[in-house]
Amino acid sequence: MFPMKVNELAKLVNGKVIGDGDLIINRLNRIEDAIRGDVTFLYQGKYEKYFLDSTASCVLVSDDIANEPKENQSLIVCDNPYLSFISLIKHFENMRNKPVSSIHSSATIASNAEIGKFVQIGANAVISENCRIGDYSKIMPNVVLYKNVIIGENTIINSSVVCYQDIEIGNNCIIHAGAVIGADGFGFVESKEDGSYEKIPHIGNVKIKNNVEIGANATIDRALLGSTIIEDGVKIDNMVHIAHNCIIGENSGIAAQTGVSGSSKVGKRNRFGGQVGLAGHLETADDVTLIAQSGVSKSVIKPGVYFGTPIKERLHAFKIEACLRQLPELFAEFDKLKKSCSSSE
């Protein structure tokens, strides 16, 4: 942990020091705010104006930017300063969170729950019957795990998350505060007589694979039968809703306030902007990008970038938008021509 010398930081990122390698570094910081004692990075050209005036003690730079450092400043030359800086963040985060075993006295843990080594369980957490929590995982305060929940290794379940019965969460996952995993899907049968509803029981579960991150207040519904599945590497933003029996493909990213309706299958490496909506029982191909506020009413069978409601190929959609913006002027021109034609008759 800090303080550290520049030479020590350079070893962590496999970089080359230009300047005084014995300068002491106390903190990571953004280049806009970095001062003496800080380490920061320069990556994109638009930040060079900050670099020129920066008093940071150390700056990670690429080889094409490397030059003689200022007085009381050292440079570390890296292949990719941004990724190297991220690796420093991860390093210090791991150092700060060295594994310890701790179970708060107010936590409620069923006698037959299996708790791995170096597990942390916070205040007022509830671990129900037959739950299993893997090594190095963290269950933060006020988390509730219903019966038969399985949590993998090195996974963090943040405060006030609720996991309903039979949920499975893999290794190296992060579930942010307030997420609800495994609530019933929105399934009802409507009466033809009086329009009332009869609830359809949902007896499936949710399976979240490895290296998944789920944002605050996101909701992922359990399957009617079988499983709602979040594949490896998926990243889900805050306030996203994934309905029953959906499958979200590997390494897909879904931004805030998006909704995926029941039994939809999202391909690998999909990218959904904010407030995207998918109707139910659809499929998207691998490598599909949906720009924010797009609405999908039928399956997307080809990779590409799409926009609009209903969605269209991006460039086609943008051309339509451009034409729509000209409608007032076009209508005025049309009205003028119409009046001209009428007066000449």
Protein backbone atom coordinates (compact mmCIF):
# COMPACT_ATOMS: atom_id res chain seq x y z
CA MET A 1 0.00 0.00 0.00
CA PHE A 2 0.97 3.65 -0.15
CA PRO A 3 3.36 5.32 0.28
CA MET A 4 5.38 3.78 -2.55
CA LYS A 5 8.30 4.81 -4.70
CA VAL A 6 7.93 5.43 -8.43
CA ASN A 7 10.26 2.49 -9.13
CA GLU A 8 7.92 0.18 -7.23
CA LEU A 9 4.91 1.40 -9.23
CA ALA A 10 6.82 0.88 -12.48
CA LYS A 11 7.40 -2.77 -11.60
CA LEU A 12 3.67 -3.27 -11.03
CA VAL A 13 2.84 -2.02 -14.55
CA ASN A 14 5.97 -3.33 -16.27
CA GLY A 15 6.88 0.24 -17.26
CA LYS A 16 10.09 2.25 -17.75
CA VAL A 17 10.89 5.17 -15.45
CA ILE A 18 12.03 8.50 -16.83
CA GLY A 19 13.22 10.77 -14.02
CA ASP A 20 13.63 10.15 -10.31
CA GLY A 21 12.50 6.65 -9.42
CA ASP A 22 12.71 7.40 -5.69
CA LEU A 23 9.95 9.99 -5.63
CA ILE A 24 7.30 9.07 -3.07
CA ILE A 25 3.72 8.47 -4.22
CA ASN A 26 0.81 8.60 -1.80
CA ARG A 27 -2.33 8.44 -3.94
CA LEU A 28 -3.96 7.64 -7.28
CA ASN A 29 -5.76 10.54 -8.92
CA ARG A 30 -7.26 11.88 -12.17
CA ILE A 31 -4.96 14.05 -14.23
CA GLU A 32 -7.32 17.02 -13.84
CA ASP A 33 -6.97 16.91 -10.05
CA ALA A 34 -3.55 15.33 -9.47
CA ILE A 35 -1.08 17.22 -7.27
CA ARG A 36 2.30 16.53 -5.75
CA GLY A 37 2.39 13.04 -4.25
CA ASP A 38 -0.14 11.70 -6.75
CA VAL A 39 0.24 9.25 -9.63
CA THR A 40 -1.99 9.73 -12.65
CA PHE A 41 -2.05 8.86 -16.36
CA LEU A 42 -2.25 10.52 -19.77
CA TYR A 43 -3.99 8.56 -22.47
CA GLN A 44 -6.11 10.59 -24.85
CA GLY A 45 -4.84 13.73 -26.52
CA LYS A 46 -7.64 15.94 -25.21
CA TYR A 47 -6.14 15.65 -21.71
CA GLU A 48 -2.73 16.98 -22.74
CA LYS A 49 -3.75 20.46 -21.56
CA TYR A 50 -3.91 19.05 -18.02
CA PHE A 51 -0.63 17.21 -18.45
CA LEU A 52 1.22 20.41 -19.36
CA ASP A 53 0.17 22.10 -16.12
CA SER A 54 0.04 19.07 -13.85
CA THR A 55 2.05 19.03 -10.62
CA ALA A 56 1.55 15.27 -10.20
CA SER A 57 4.64 13.49 -8.96
CA CYS A 58 4.24 10.65 -11.45
CA VAL A 59 2.42 10.32 -14.77
CA LEU A 60 1.89 7.12 -16.76
CA VAL A 61 2.41 7.94 -20.46
CA SER A 62 2.75 6.14 -23.77
CA ASP A 63 6.05 6.00 -25.63
CA ASP A 64 5.03 8.63 -28.19
CA ILE A 65 4.38 11.17 -25.44
CA ALA A 66 7.43 10.41 -23.31
CA ASN A 67 9.82 13.34 -22.87
CA GLU A 68 11.87 14.91 -20.13
CA PRO A 69 9.75 15.26 -16.99
CA LYS A 70 9.35 18.47 -15.05
CA GLU A 71 11.14 19.14 -11.80
CA ASN A 72 9.81 16.90 -9.00
CA GLN A 73 7.99 14.75 -11.53
CA SER A 74 8.70 11.32 -12.98
CA LEU A 75 7.18 9.54 -15.95
CA ILE A 76 6.43 5.84 -16.35
CA VAL A 77 6.30 4.75 -19.99
CA CYS A 78 3.69 2.01 -20.63
CA ASP A 79 2.21 0.31 -23.68
CA ASN A 80 -1.26 1.42 -22.59
CA PRO A 81 -1.29 4.01 -19.76
CA TYR A 82 -5.05 3.71 -19.20
CA LEU A 83 -5.02 -0.07 -18.76
CA SER A 84 -1.87 0.19 -16.64
CA PHE A 85 -3.56 2.71 -14.36
CA ILE A 86 -6.59 0.41 -14.05
CA SER A 87 -4.22 -2.40 -13.06
CA LEU A 88 -2.87 -0.16 -10.28
CA ILE A 89 -6.40 0.49 -9.05
CA LYS A 90 -7.08 -3.24 -8.99
CA HIS A 91 -3.79 -3.92 -7.20
CA PHE A 92 -4.49 -1.47 -4.39
CA GLU A 93 -8.12 -2.56 -4.13
CA ASN A 94 -6.93 -6.14 -3.65
CA MET A 95 -4.38 -5.02 -1.08
CA ARG A 96 -7.03 -3.11 0.83
CA ASN A 97 -9.39 -6.08 0.79
CA LYS A 98 -7.09 -8.82 2.00
CA PRO A 99 -9.14 -11.90 2.84
CA VAL A 100 -10.32 -12.25 6.43
CA SER A 101 -12.99 -14.35 8.05
CA SER A 102 -15.65 -12.34 9.85
CA ILE A 103 -19.26 -13.09 10.73
CA HIS A 104 -21.18 -10.33 12.48
CA SER A 105 -22.90 -11.36 15.68
CA SER A 106 -26.28 -10.14 14.40
CA ALA A 107 -26.20 -12.31 11.26
CA THR A 108 -28.69 -15.20 11.14
CA ILE A 109 -27.16 -18.35 9.64
CA ALA A 110 -28.94 -21.67 9.29
CA SER A 111 -27.22 -24.56 11.01
CA ASN A 112 -26.86 -26.53 7.77
CA ALA A 113 -25.55 -23.63 5.67
CA GLU A 114 -22.04 -24.19 4.29
CA ILE A 115 -19.68 -21.24 4.71
CA GLY A 116 -16.30 -21.33 2.94
CA LYS A 117 -12.99 -20.03 4.23
CA PHE A 118 -12.26 -16.31 4.54
CA VAL A 119 -15.94 -15.46 4.08
CA GLN A 120 -17.28 -12.16 5.42
CA ILE A 121 -20.92 -11.87 6.53
CA GLY A 122 -22.22 -8.47 7.60
CA ALA A 123 -24.70 -7.25 10.18
CA ASN A 124 -28.29 -8.51 9.98
CA ALA A 125 -27.60 -10.74 6.99
CA VAL A 126 -29.84 -13.81 6.72
CA ILE A 127 -28.41 -17.06 5.36
CA SER A 128 -31.19 -19.63 5.09
CA GLU A 129 -31.26 -23.42 5.03
CA ASN A 130 -28.99 -25.32 2.64
CA CYS A 131 -27.21 -22.21 1.37
CA ARG A 132 -23.60 -22.51 0.24
CA ILE A 133 -21.13 -19.63 0.17
CA GLY A 134 -17.76 -20.14 -1.51
CA ASP A 135 -14.32 -19.16 -0.28
CA TYR A 136 -13.36 -15.44 -0.11
CA SER A 137 -16.91 -14.23 -0.80
CA LYS A 138 -18.48 -11.26 0.99
CA ILE A 139 -22.08 -11.01 2.13
CA MET A 140 -22.68 -7.39 3.14
CA PRO A 141 -25.15 -6.13 5.80
CA ASN A 142 -28.88 -6.78 5.37
CA VAL A 143 -28.46 -9.31 2.55
CA VAL A 144 -31.15 -12.01 2.52
CA LEU A 145 -30.48 -15.41 0.97
CA TYR A 146 -33.53 -17.66 0.79
CA LYS A 147 -33.22 -21.46 0.92
CA ASN A 148 -30.82 -23.36 -1.32
CA VAL A 149 -28.92 -20.34 -2.64
CA ILE A 150 -25.43 -21.09 -3.95
CA ILE A 151 -22.77 -18.35 -4.03
CA GLY A 152 -19.43 -19.10 -5.70
CA GLU A 153 -15.93 -18.01 -4.70
CA ASN A 154 -14.70 -14.43 -4.47
CA THR A 155 -18.17 -13.00 -5.07
CA ILE A 156 -19.51 -9.84 -3.42
CA ILE A 157 -23.19 -9.53 -2.53
CA ASN A 158 -23.76 -5.91 -1.49
CA SER A 159 -26.17 -4.56 1.09
CA SER A 160 -29.91 -5.20 0.86
CA VAL A 161 -29.66 -7.66 -2.02
CA VAL A 162 -32.35 -10.35 -1.91
CA CYS A 163 -31.77 -13.73 -3.53
CA TYR A 164 -34.88 -15.91 -3.63
CA GLN A 165 -34.76 -19.69 -3.25
CA ASP A 166 -32.62 -21.92 -5.48
CA ILE A 167 -30.59 -19.07 -7.03
CA GLU A 168 -27.09 -19.91 -8.26
CA ILE A 169 -24.38 -17.25 -8.52
CA GLY A 170 -20.90 -18.08 -9.83
CA ASN A 171 -17.35 -17.01 -9.06
CA ASN A 172 -15.94 -13.47 -9.15
CA CYS A 173 -19.34 -11.79 -9.38
CA ILE A 174 -20.48 -8.46 -7.96
CA ILE A 175 -24.14 -7.89 -7.12
CA HIS A 176 -24.76 -4.26 -6.17
CA ALA A 177 -27.03 -2.93 -3.46
CA GLY A 178 -30.75 -3.44 -3.70
CA ALA A 179 -30.74 -5.95 -6.55
CA VAL A 180 -33.45 -8.61 -6.42
CA ILE A 181 -32.54 -11.95 -7.92
CA GLY A 182 -35.21 -14.59 -8.46
CA ALA A 183 -38.53 -12.85 -7.84
CA ASP A 184 -41.49 -14.38 -9.67
CA GLY A 185 -41.92 -13.59 -13.33
CA PHE A 186 -44.87 -11.45 -14.41
CA GLY A 187 -47.12 -14.36 -15.30
CA PHE A 188 -50.89 -14.36 -14.94
CA VAL A 189 -53.90 -15.90 -16.67
CA GLU A 190 -56.68 -13.40 -17.33
CA SER A 191 -60.25 -14.48 -16.72
CA LYS A 192 -62.55 -14.00 -19.73
CA GLU A 193 -65.50 -13.57 -17.40
CA ASP A 194 -64.48 -10.64 -15.23
CA GLY A 195 -60.93 -9.71 -16.30
CA SER A 196 -59.40 -10.88 -13.01
CA TYR A 197 -56.02 -12.56 -12.86
CA GLU A 198 -54.87 -15.96 -11.67
CA LYS A 199 -51.20 -16.18 -10.78
CA ILE A 200 -48.99 -18.68 -12.64
CA PRO A 201 -46.49 -20.23 -10.18
CA HIS A 202 -42.85 -19.82 -11.19
CA ILE A 203 -40.89 -22.84 -9.99
CA GLY A 204 -37.65 -22.35 -11.96
CA ASN A 205 -34.61 -20.41 -10.83
CA VAL A 206 -31.92 -17.94 -11.91
CA LYS A 207 -28.39 -19.03 -12.81
CA ILE A 208 -25.73 -16.34 -12.89
CA LYS A 209 -22.44 -17.59 -14.28
CA ASN A 210 -18.88 -16.33 -13.55
CA ASN A 211 -17.45 -12.79 -13.73
CA VAL A 212 -20.88 -11.16 -13.88
CA GLU A 213 -21.66 -7.71 -12.46
CA ILE A 214 -25.23 -6.66 -11.71
CA GLY A 215 -26.05 -3.05 -10.89
CA ALA A 216 -27.96 -1.49 -8.02
CA ASN A 217 -31.72 -2.11 -7.95
CA ALA A 218 -31.58 -4.40 -10.99
CA THR A 219 -34.15 -7.19 -11.06
CA ILE A 220 -33.76 -10.64 -12.60
CA ASP A 221 -36.86 -12.83 -12.48
CA ARG A 222 -36.89 -16.57 -11.92
CA ALA A 223 -37.99 -18.87 -14.70
CA LEU A 224 -41.46 -20.34 -14.98
CA LEU A 225 -39.72 -23.68 -15.55
CA GLY A 226 -36.01 -24.21 -16.02
CA SER A 227 -33.68 -21.24 -15.56
CA THR A 228 -33.23 -17.59 -16.35
CA ILE A 229 -29.54 -17.54 -17.34
CA ILE A 230 -26.93 -14.78 -17.21
CA GLU A 231 -23.86 -16.13 -19.00
CA ASP A 232 -20.17 -15.53 -18.19
CA GLY A 233 -18.85 -11.99 -18.26
CA VAL A 234 -22.18 -10.16 -18.57
CA LYS A 235 -22.32 -6.60 -17.17
CA ILE A 236 -25.74 -5.26 -16.18
CA ASP A 237 -26.22 -1.63 -15.16
CA ASN A 238 -28.42 -0.15 -12.44
CA MET A 239 -32.21 -0.51 -12.69
CA VAL A 240 -32.24 -3.07 -15.50
CA HIS A 241 -35.04 -5.64 -15.62
CA ILE A 242 -34.49 -9.15 -17.00
CA ALA A 243 -37.73 -11.12 -17.16
CA HIS A 244 -38.39 -14.84 -16.64
CA ASN A 245 -36.65 -17.46 -18.79
CA CYS A 246 -34.36 -14.97 -20.57
CA ILE A 247 -30.84 -15.93 -21.59
CA ILE A 248 -28.25 -13.15 -21.73
CA GLY A 249 -25.23 -14.19 -23.82
CA GLU A 250 -21.58 -14.08 -22.81
CA ASN A 251 -19.87 -10.71 -22.36
CA SER A 252 -22.96 -8.68 -23.16
CA GLY A 253 -23.41 -5.23 -21.61
CA ILE A 254 -26.81 -3.77 -20.75
CA ALA A 255 -27.18 -0.11 -19.69
CA ALA A 256 -29.58 1.42 -17.18
CA GLN A 257 -33.36 1.21 -17.41
CA THR A 258 -33.32 -1.40 -20.15
CA GLY A 259 -36.03 -4.05 -20.04
CA VAL A 260 -35.79 -7.52 -21.59
CA SER A 261 -39.16 -9.26 -21.77
CA GLY A 262 -39.79 -12.91 -20.96
CA SER A 263 -38.18 -15.82 -22.83
CA SER A 264 -35.93 -13.57 -24.93
CA LYS A 265 -32.50 -14.84 -25.89
CA VAL A 266 -29.73 -12.24 -26.20
CA GLY A 267 -26.64 -13.23 -28.18
CA LYS A 268 -22.99 -12.97 -27.19
CA ARG A 269 -21.28 -9.58 -26.99
CA ASN A 270 -24.49 -7.59 -27.34
CA ARG A 271 -24.46 -3.94 -26.26
CA PHE A 272 -27.72 -2.30 -25.18
CA GLY A 273 -27.85 1.43 -24.45
CA GLY A 274 -30.04 2.97 -21.77
CA GLN A 275 -33.83 2.52 -21.91
CA VAL A 276 -33.75 -0.12 -24.64
CA GLY A 277 -36.84 -2.35 -24.67
CA LEU A 278 -37.17 -5.90 -26.03
CA ALA A 279 -40.52 -7.57 -26.54
CA GLY A 280 -40.91 -11.15 -25.38
CA HIS A 281 -39.82 -14.38 -27.08
CA LEU A 282 -37.23 -12.63 -29.31
CA GLU A 283 -33.65 -13.49 -30.20
CA THR A 284 -30.72 -11.25 -31.05
CA ALA A 285 -27.66 -12.41 -32.98
CA ASP A 286 -24.15 -12.18 -31.57
CA ASP A 287 -22.47 -8.76 -31.79
CA VAL A 288 -25.62 -6.66 -31.88
CA THR A 289 -25.59 -3.07 -30.59
CA LEU A 290 -28.85 -1.29 -29.78
CA ILE A 291 -28.53 2.47 -29.35
CA ALA A 292 -30.29 4.07 -26.36
CA GLN A 293 -34.11 4.15 -26.34
CA SER A 294 -34.42 1.65 -29.16
CA GLY A 295 -37.48 -0.60 -29.22
CA VAL A 296 -37.23 -4.17 -30.52
CA SER A 297 -40.44 -5.81 -31.71
CA LYS A 298 -39.00 -8.77 -33.64
CA SER A 299 -35.83 -10.85 -33.63
CA VAL A 300 -32.54 -9.34 -34.81
CA ILE A 301 -30.90 -11.98 -37.00
CA LYS A 302 -27.80 -10.07 -38.21
CA PRO A 303 -24.93 -8.49 -36.26
CA GLY A 304 -24.82 -4.72 -36.48
CA VAL A 305 -25.76 -1.41 -34.90
CA TYR A 306 -29.46 -0.56 -34.71
CA PHE A 307 -31.56 2.41 -33.60
CA GLY A 308 -35.16 3.55 -33.36
CA THR A 309 -38.61 2.20 -32.53
CA PRO A 310 -39.05 -0.18 -34.19
CA ILE A 311 -35.31 -0.60 -34.73
CA LYS A 312 -33.66 -0.05 -38.09
CA GLU A 313 -30.07 -0.31 -39.23
CA ARG A 314 -28.29 2.69 -37.73
CA LEU A 315 -27.48 4.71 -40.86
CA HIS A 316 -30.95 4.14 -42.32
CA ALA A 317 -32.52 5.23 -39.02
CA PHE A 318 -30.37 8.36 -38.89
CA LYS A 319 -31.38 9.30 -42.46
CA ILE A 320 -35.05 8.98 -41.48
CA GLU A 321 -34.44 11.17 -38.43
CA ALA A 322 -32.72 13.77 -40.61
CA CYS A 323 -35.69 13.83 -42.99
CA LEU A 324 -38.18 14.13 -40.14
CA ARG A 325 -36.37 17.18 -38.81
CA GLN A 326 -36.84 18.86 -42.18
CA LEU A 327 -40.60 18.20 -42.29
CA PRO A 328 -41.69 21.72 -41.15
CA GLU A 329 -39.61 23.35 -43.89
CA LEU A 330 -40.73 20.78 -46.47
CA PHE A 331 -44.36 21.28 -45.50
CA ALA A 332 -44.01 25.06 -45.80
CA GLU A 333 -42.47 24.61 -49.24
CA PHE A 334 -45.25 22.22 -50.25
CA ASP A 335 -47.92 24.62 -48.98
CA LYS A 336 -46.33 27.46 -50.92
CA LEU A 337 -46.30 25.37 -54.12
CA LYS A 338 -49.90 24.28 -53.52
CA LYS A 339 -51.07 27.90 -53.21
CA SER A 340 -49.05 28.86 -56.28
CA CYS A 341 -50.68 26.10 -58.33
CA SER A 342 -54.16 27.06 -57.08
CA SER A 343 -53.71 30.72 -58.01
CA SER A 344 -52.54 29.87 -61.53
CA GLU A 345 -55.63 27.84 -62.37
